């Protein structure tokens, strides 16, 4: 990472423009899609794809499905969430995925999201 930080162009503050700002390390951290056009498939992303598929199947269940079937599918979804949360993050996108899943994309007030974010930050900083 040090090489990346040192290769960042030094620009006087009076000549800052959008292109300079968007190429800065901070912008690359905030906007990971610009830093990595095609993110590599991590274990977290693979689990997320399974989560999305299962969630879509649950949403598409007809109204006359027995409650036991719905509950079993939801239990499977929660188990997948726990597995996903316990899988080590390898990049910032993994953390975004975990936060999105923990809050079901903001649908639920997930009080544990703050704990999750700080846990991920501690883990990733220890590894740095």
N, C-alpha and C. Protein backbone atom coordinates (compact mmCIF):
# COMPACT_ATOMS: atom_id res chain seq x y z
N UNK A 1 0.82 -1.18 0.00
CA UNK A 1 0.00 0.00 0.00
C UNK A 1 0.87 1.25 0.00
N UNK A 2 2.02 1.18 0.61
CA UNK A 2 2.88 2.35 0.68
C UNK A 2 3.23 2.84 -0.71
N UNK A 3 3.52 1.93 -1.62
CA UNK A 3 3.88 2.33 -2.98
C UNK A 3 2.72 3.09 -3.62
N UNK A 4 1.50 2.64 -3.38
CA UNK A 4 0.33 3.31 -3.94
C UNK A 4 0.20 4.72 -3.37
N UNK A 5 0.41 4.85 -2.06
CA UNK A 5 0.28 6.16 -1.43
C UNK A 5 1.33 7.13 -1.96
N UNK A 6 2.54 6.64 -2.18
CA UNK A 6 3.61 7.52 -2.65
C UNK A 6 3.46 7.86 -4.12
N UNK A 7 2.73 7.06 -4.88
CA UNK A 7 2.59 7.35 -6.30
C UNK A 7 1.44 8.31 -6.58
N UNK A 8 0.72 8.70 -5.56
CA UNK A 8 -0.38 9.64 -5.73
C UNK A 8 0.18 11.01 -6.10
N UNK A 9 -0.32 11.62 -7.17
CA UNK A 9 0.22 12.93 -7.57
C UNK A 9 -0.04 13.99 -6.51
N UNK A 10 0.93 14.81 -6.30
CA UNK A 10 0.79 15.92 -5.36
C UNK A 10 0.33 17.15 -6.14
N UNK A 11 -0.84 17.63 -5.79
CA UNK A 11 -1.43 18.74 -6.52
C UNK A 11 -1.69 19.87 -5.55
N UNK A 12 -1.28 21.09 -5.89
CA UNK A 12 -1.59 22.22 -5.01
C UNK A 12 -3.10 22.34 -4.80
N UNK A 13 -3.50 22.70 -3.60
CA UNK A 13 -4.93 22.75 -3.29
C UNK A 13 -5.69 23.71 -4.20
N UNK A 14 -5.04 24.73 -4.71
CA UNK A 14 -5.74 25.68 -5.57
C UNK A 14 -6.10 25.09 -6.93
N UNK A 15 -5.44 23.98 -7.31
CA UNK A 15 -5.74 23.40 -8.61
C UNK A 15 -6.50 22.08 -8.51
N UNK A 16 -7.14 21.84 -7.38
CA UNK A 16 -7.93 20.61 -7.24
C UNK A 16 -9.11 20.66 -8.19
N UNK A 17 -9.30 19.58 -8.90
CA UNK A 17 -10.47 19.48 -9.77
C UNK A 17 -11.11 18.12 -9.56
N UNK A 18 -12.20 17.89 -10.22
CA UNK A 18 -12.94 16.65 -10.03
C UNK A 18 -12.10 15.43 -10.36
N UNK A 19 -11.35 15.47 -11.46
CA UNK A 19 -10.52 14.33 -11.87
C UNK A 19 -9.47 14.02 -10.81
N UNK A 20 -8.84 15.05 -10.27
CA UNK A 20 -7.83 14.86 -9.23
C UNK A 20 -8.45 14.25 -7.99
N UNK A 21 -9.59 14.79 -7.59
CA UNK A 21 -10.26 14.28 -6.40
C UNK A 21 -10.69 12.83 -6.57
N UNK A 22 -11.23 12.49 -7.73
CA UNK A 22 -11.71 11.13 -7.95
C UNK A 22 -10.58 10.12 -8.09
N UNK A 23 -9.36 10.57 -8.34
CA UNK A 23 -8.24 9.65 -8.43
C UNK A 23 -7.46 9.56 -7.13
N UNK A 24 -7.91 10.27 -6.11
CA UNK A 24 -7.21 10.26 -4.83
C UNK A 24 -7.48 8.94 -4.09
N UNK A 25 -6.58 8.55 -3.18
CA UNK A 25 -6.79 7.32 -2.42
C UNK A 25 -8.10 7.33 -1.63
N UNK A 26 -8.48 8.49 -1.09
CA UNK A 26 -9.73 8.57 -0.34
C UNK A 26 -10.92 8.27 -1.24
N UNK A 27 -10.92 8.83 -2.43
CA UNK A 27 -12.03 8.57 -3.36
C UNK A 27 -12.05 7.11 -3.76
N UNK A 28 -10.89 6.50 -3.92
CA UNK A 28 -10.85 5.08 -4.29
C UNK A 28 -11.39 4.21 -3.16
N UNK A 29 -11.21 4.66 -1.93
CA UNK A 29 -11.76 3.91 -0.80
C UNK A 29 -13.26 4.10 -0.69
N UNK A 30 -13.72 5.32 -0.96
CA UNK A 30 -15.14 5.63 -0.84
C UNK A 30 -15.92 5.08 -2.02
N UNK A 31 -15.34 5.10 -3.21
CA UNK A 31 -16.00 4.62 -4.41
C UNK A 31 -15.24 3.42 -4.97
N UNK A 32 -15.37 2.23 -4.33
CA UNK A 32 -14.57 1.07 -4.75
C UNK A 32 -14.85 0.64 -6.19
N UNK A 33 -16.01 0.95 -6.74
CA UNK A 33 -16.30 0.54 -8.11
C UNK A 33 -15.35 1.22 -9.09
N UNK A 34 -14.92 2.44 -8.78
CA UNK A 34 -13.98 3.10 -9.67
C UNK A 34 -12.58 2.53 -9.51
N UNK A 35 -12.31 1.97 -8.35
CA UNK A 35 -10.99 1.41 -8.10
C UNK A 35 -10.86 0.02 -8.71
N UNK A 36 -11.95 -0.71 -8.75
CA UNK A 36 -11.91 -2.08 -9.22
C UNK A 36 -13.16 -2.33 -10.06
N UNK A 37 -13.02 -2.24 -11.36
CA UNK A 37 -14.16 -2.34 -12.26
C UNK A 37 -14.87 -3.67 -12.14
N UNK A 38 -14.14 -4.75 -12.05
CA UNK A 38 -14.73 -6.08 -11.92
C UNK A 38 -14.21 -6.70 -10.64
N UNK A 39 -14.96 -6.56 -9.54
CA UNK A 39 -14.46 -7.09 -8.27
C UNK A 39 -14.27 -8.60 -8.34
N UNK A 40 -13.22 -9.04 -7.68
CA UNK A 40 -12.98 -10.48 -7.69
C UNK A 40 -14.01 -11.16 -6.81
N UNK A 41 -14.30 -12.38 -7.14
CA UNK A 41 -15.30 -13.14 -6.40
C UNK A 41 -14.69 -13.63 -5.09
N UNK A 42 -15.14 -13.09 -3.99
CA UNK A 42 -14.64 -13.48 -2.68
C UNK A 42 -15.63 -14.47 -2.06
N UNK A 43 -15.23 -15.16 -1.00
CA UNK A 43 -16.18 -16.04 -0.31
C UNK A 43 -17.44 -15.30 0.14
N UNK A 44 -17.28 -14.05 0.60
CA UNK A 44 -18.45 -13.26 1.03
C UNK A 44 -19.37 -13.00 -0.16
N UNK A 45 -18.80 -12.64 -1.31
CA UNK A 45 -19.64 -12.39 -2.48
C UNK A 45 -20.34 -13.66 -2.96
N UNK A 46 -19.67 -14.79 -2.88
CA UNK A 46 -20.33 -16.06 -3.27
C UNK A 46 -21.50 -16.35 -2.35
N UNK A 47 -21.31 -16.16 -1.06
CA UNK A 47 -22.42 -16.36 -0.11
C UNK A 47 -23.54 -15.36 -0.37
N UNK A 48 -23.16 -14.13 -0.71
CA UNK A 48 -24.17 -13.12 -1.00
C UNK A 48 -25.02 -13.50 -2.21
N UNK A 49 -24.42 -14.07 -3.22
CA UNK A 49 -25.18 -14.52 -4.40
C UNK A 49 -26.21 -15.58 -3.99
N UNK A 50 -25.79 -16.48 -3.10
CA UNK A 50 -26.73 -17.50 -2.58
C UNK A 50 -27.84 -16.83 -1.77
N UNK A 51 -27.46 -15.84 -0.95
CA UNK A 51 -28.43 -15.10 -0.15
C UNK A 51 -29.46 -14.41 -1.05
N UNK A 52 -28.98 -13.73 -2.09
CA UNK A 52 -29.89 -13.05 -3.01
C UNK A 52 -30.86 -14.03 -3.66
N UNK A 53 -30.35 -15.17 -4.09
CA UNK A 53 -31.20 -16.16 -4.77
C UNK A 53 -32.26 -16.70 -3.81
N UNK A 54 -31.86 -17.02 -2.58
CA UNK A 54 -32.81 -17.54 -1.61
C UNK A 54 -33.83 -16.47 -1.23
N UNK A 55 -33.39 -15.25 -1.04
CA UNK A 55 -34.30 -14.16 -0.71
C UNK A 55 -35.32 -13.95 -1.83
N UNK A 56 -34.87 -14.03 -3.08
CA UNK A 56 -35.79 -13.88 -4.22
C UNK A 56 -36.80 -15.02 -4.25
N UNK A 57 -36.35 -16.23 -3.96
CA UNK A 57 -37.29 -17.37 -3.93
C UNK A 57 -38.33 -17.19 -2.84
N UNK A 58 -37.92 -16.67 -1.68
CA UNK A 58 -38.87 -16.44 -0.59
C UNK A 58 -39.89 -15.39 -1.01
N UNK A 59 -39.43 -14.32 -1.63
CA UNK A 59 -40.33 -13.25 -2.07
C UNK A 59 -41.34 -13.74 -3.10
N UNK A 60 -40.95 -14.73 -3.90
CA UNK A 60 -41.82 -15.23 -4.97
C UNK A 60 -42.76 -16.35 -4.53
N UNK A 61 -42.67 -16.76 -3.26
CA UNK A 61 -43.56 -17.83 -2.80
C UNK A 61 -45.01 -17.38 -2.89
N UNK A 62 -45.86 -18.26 -3.39
CA UNK A 62 -47.29 -17.90 -3.46
C UNK A 62 -47.90 -17.79 -2.05
N UNK A 63 -48.99 -17.08 -1.98
CA UNK A 63 -49.64 -16.83 -0.69
C UNK A 63 -50.19 -18.06 -0.01
N UNK A 64 -50.42 -19.14 -0.76
CA UNK A 64 -51.02 -20.32 -0.16
C UNK A 64 -49.98 -21.36 0.30
N UNK A 65 -48.72 -20.98 0.36
CA UNK A 65 -47.68 -21.89 0.82
C UNK A 65 -47.83 -22.07 2.32
N UNK A 66 -47.73 -23.31 2.80
CA UNK A 66 -47.85 -23.54 4.24
C UNK A 66 -46.81 -22.75 5.04
N UNK A 67 -47.22 -22.32 6.20
CA UNK A 67 -46.36 -21.50 7.05
C UNK A 67 -45.05 -22.21 7.40
N UNK A 68 -45.10 -23.53 7.53
CA UNK A 68 -43.89 -24.30 7.85
C UNK A 68 -42.84 -24.16 6.75
N UNK A 69 -43.29 -24.13 5.51
CA UNK A 69 -42.37 -23.99 4.37
C UNK A 69 -41.73 -22.61 4.39
N UNK A 70 -42.55 -21.59 4.64
CA UNK A 70 -42.02 -20.23 4.70
C UNK A 70 -41.03 -20.10 5.85
N UNK A 71 -41.39 -20.62 7.02
CA UNK A 71 -40.50 -20.54 8.18
C UNK A 71 -39.19 -21.27 7.94
N UNK A 72 -39.24 -22.41 7.28
CA UNK A 72 -38.02 -23.16 6.97
C UNK A 72 -37.12 -22.36 6.04
N UNK A 73 -37.70 -21.71 5.05
CA UNK A 73 -36.92 -20.91 4.12
C UNK A 73 -36.30 -19.70 4.83
N UNK A 74 -37.07 -19.08 5.71
CA UNK A 74 -36.55 -17.93 6.46
C UNK A 74 -35.44 -18.37 7.40
N UNK A 75 -35.61 -19.54 8.04
CA UNK A 75 -34.55 -20.07 8.91
C UNK A 75 -33.27 -20.31 8.11
N UNK A 76 -33.42 -20.81 6.89
CA UNK A 76 -32.27 -21.03 6.01
C UNK A 76 -31.61 -19.70 5.65
N UNK A 77 -32.42 -18.68 5.41
CA UNK A 77 -31.89 -17.36 5.09
C UNK A 77 -31.11 -16.80 6.27
N UNK A 78 -31.66 -16.93 7.48
CA UNK A 78 -30.96 -16.44 8.68
C UNK A 78 -29.66 -17.20 8.90
N UNK A 79 -29.66 -18.50 8.66
CA UNK A 79 -28.43 -19.29 8.80
C UNK A 79 -27.38 -18.81 7.80
N UNK A 80 -27.82 -18.51 6.60
CA UNK A 80 -26.90 -18.00 5.58
C UNK A 80 -26.36 -16.63 5.99
N UNK A 81 -27.19 -15.79 6.59
CA UNK A 81 -26.74 -14.49 7.10
C UNK A 81 -25.65 -14.67 8.15
N UNK A 82 -25.85 -15.61 9.08
CA UNK A 82 -24.86 -15.85 10.13
C UNK A 82 -23.54 -16.36 9.53
N UNK A 83 -23.64 -17.24 8.54
CA UNK A 83 -22.44 -17.74 7.87
C UNK A 83 -21.72 -16.61 7.16
N UNK A 84 -22.47 -15.77 6.47
CA UNK A 84 -21.89 -14.65 5.75
C UNK A 84 -21.20 -13.70 6.72
N UNK A 85 -21.84 -13.40 7.84
CA UNK A 85 -21.26 -12.49 8.82
C UNK A 85 -19.96 -13.05 9.40
N UNK A 86 -19.89 -14.36 9.56
CA UNK A 86 -18.70 -14.98 10.13
C UNK A 86 -17.57 -15.21 9.14
N UNK A 87 -17.83 -14.99 7.86
CA UNK A 87 -16.81 -15.19 6.83
C UNK A 87 -15.91 -13.96 6.78
N UNK A 88 -14.59 -14.16 6.84
CA UNK A 88 -13.68 -13.01 6.83
C UNK A 88 -13.82 -12.15 5.57
N UNK A 89 -13.83 -10.85 5.77
CA UNK A 89 -13.89 -9.91 4.65
C UNK A 89 -12.50 -9.80 4.02
N UNK A 90 -12.47 -9.70 2.70
CA UNK A 90 -11.21 -9.57 1.99
C UNK A 90 -11.07 -8.20 1.32
N UNK A 91 -12.15 -7.44 1.30
CA UNK A 91 -12.11 -6.11 0.67
C UNK A 91 -13.27 -5.29 1.22
N UNK A 92 -13.27 -4.01 0.85
CA UNK A 92 -14.32 -3.11 1.33
C UNK A 92 -15.70 -3.54 0.85
N UNK A 93 -15.76 -4.10 -0.36
CA UNK A 93 -17.05 -4.54 -0.88
C UNK A 93 -17.66 -5.63 -0.01
N UNK A 94 -16.83 -6.49 0.56
CA UNK A 94 -17.33 -7.52 1.47
C UNK A 94 -18.02 -6.89 2.67
N UNK A 95 -17.46 -5.82 3.19
CA UNK A 95 -18.07 -5.14 4.34
C UNK A 95 -19.39 -4.51 3.93
N UNK A 96 -19.44 -3.91 2.77
CA UNK A 96 -20.69 -3.32 2.26
C UNK A 96 -21.75 -4.41 2.15
N UNK A 97 -21.38 -5.56 1.63
CA UNK A 97 -22.32 -6.69 1.51
C UNK A 97 -22.85 -7.08 2.89
N UNK A 98 -21.96 -7.19 3.86
CA UNK A 98 -22.38 -7.60 5.20
C UNK A 98 -23.35 -6.60 5.83
N UNK A 99 -23.07 -5.32 5.66
CA UNK A 99 -23.95 -4.28 6.20
C UNK A 99 -25.31 -4.33 5.49
N UNK A 100 -25.30 -4.50 4.19
CA UNK A 100 -26.55 -4.57 3.42
C UNK A 100 -27.39 -5.76 3.87
N UNK A 101 -26.75 -6.90 4.06
CA UNK A 101 -27.48 -8.10 4.48
C UNK A 101 -27.98 -7.95 5.92
N UNK A 102 -27.15 -7.42 6.81
CA UNK A 102 -27.54 -7.26 8.21
C UNK A 102 -28.77 -6.37 8.36
N UNK A 103 -28.90 -5.39 7.49
CA UNK A 103 -30.05 -4.47 7.57
C UNK A 103 -31.10 -4.79 6.51
N UNK A 104 -30.90 -5.85 5.77
CA UNK A 104 -31.75 -6.21 4.63
C UNK A 104 -31.94 -4.98 3.74
N UNK A 105 -30.80 -4.41 3.36
CA UNK A 105 -30.74 -3.23 2.50
C UNK A 105 -31.50 -2.04 3.09
N UNK A 106 -31.35 -1.86 4.41
CA UNK A 106 -31.95 -0.72 5.08
C UNK A 106 -33.40 -0.92 5.47
N UNK A 107 -33.97 -2.08 5.14
CA UNK A 107 -35.37 -2.33 5.47
C UNK A 107 -35.56 -2.46 6.98
N UNK A 108 -34.60 -3.10 7.64
CA UNK A 108 -34.68 -3.30 9.08
C UNK A 108 -33.72 -2.35 9.78
N UNK A 109 -34.11 -1.91 10.95
CA UNK A 109 -33.22 -1.12 11.78
C UNK A 109 -32.30 -2.10 12.48
N UNK A 110 -31.16 -2.33 11.90
CA UNK A 110 -30.22 -3.31 12.44
C UNK A 110 -29.26 -2.61 13.39
N UNK A 111 -29.58 -2.63 14.67
CA UNK A 111 -28.71 -2.01 15.66
C UNK A 111 -27.34 -2.64 15.71
N UNK A 112 -27.24 -3.87 15.23
CA UNK A 112 -25.96 -4.56 15.26
C UNK A 112 -25.05 -4.16 14.11
N UNK A 113 -25.53 -3.31 13.19
CA UNK A 113 -24.71 -2.91 12.04
C UNK A 113 -23.48 -2.15 12.52
N UNK A 114 -23.65 -1.23 13.50
CA UNK A 114 -22.50 -0.51 14.02
C UNK A 114 -21.47 -1.47 14.58
N UNK A 115 -21.91 -2.45 15.36
CA UNK A 115 -20.99 -3.45 15.91
C UNK A 115 -20.28 -4.20 14.79
N UNK A 116 -21.02 -4.56 13.76
CA UNK A 116 -20.45 -5.29 12.63
C UNK A 116 -19.38 -4.46 11.94
N UNK A 117 -19.66 -3.19 11.70
CA UNK A 117 -18.71 -2.32 11.00
C UNK A 117 -17.43 -2.20 11.83
N UNK A 118 -17.56 -1.96 13.12
CA UNK A 118 -16.36 -1.80 13.95
C UNK A 118 -15.60 -3.11 14.09
N UNK A 119 -16.30 -4.22 14.16
CA UNK A 119 -15.63 -5.53 14.21
C UNK A 119 -14.82 -5.75 12.93
N UNK A 120 -15.42 -5.44 11.78
CA UNK A 120 -14.73 -5.59 10.50
C UNK A 120 -13.52 -4.66 10.45
N UNK A 121 -13.69 -3.43 10.91
CA UNK A 121 -12.58 -2.47 10.88
C UNK A 121 -11.43 -2.97 11.73
N UNK A 122 -11.72 -3.46 12.94
CA UNK A 122 -10.66 -3.97 13.80
C UNK A 122 -9.94 -5.15 13.15
N UNK A 123 -10.70 -6.06 12.57
CA UNK A 123 -10.12 -7.25 11.94
C UNK A 123 -9.22 -6.86 10.77
N UNK A 124 -9.72 -5.98 9.90
CA UNK A 124 -8.94 -5.61 8.72
C UNK A 124 -7.70 -4.78 9.10
N UNK A 125 -7.82 -3.94 10.13
CA UNK A 125 -6.67 -3.12 10.54
C UNK A 125 -5.60 -3.97 11.21
N UNK A 126 -6.00 -5.00 11.92
CA UNK A 126 -5.02 -5.92 12.53
C UNK A 126 -4.22 -6.63 11.44
N UNK A 127 -4.88 -6.94 10.34
CA UNK A 127 -4.23 -7.65 9.24
C UNK A 127 -3.36 -6.75 8.38
N UNK A 128 -3.54 -5.43 8.50
CA UNK A 128 -2.81 -4.49 7.64
C UNK A 128 -1.36 -4.35 8.06
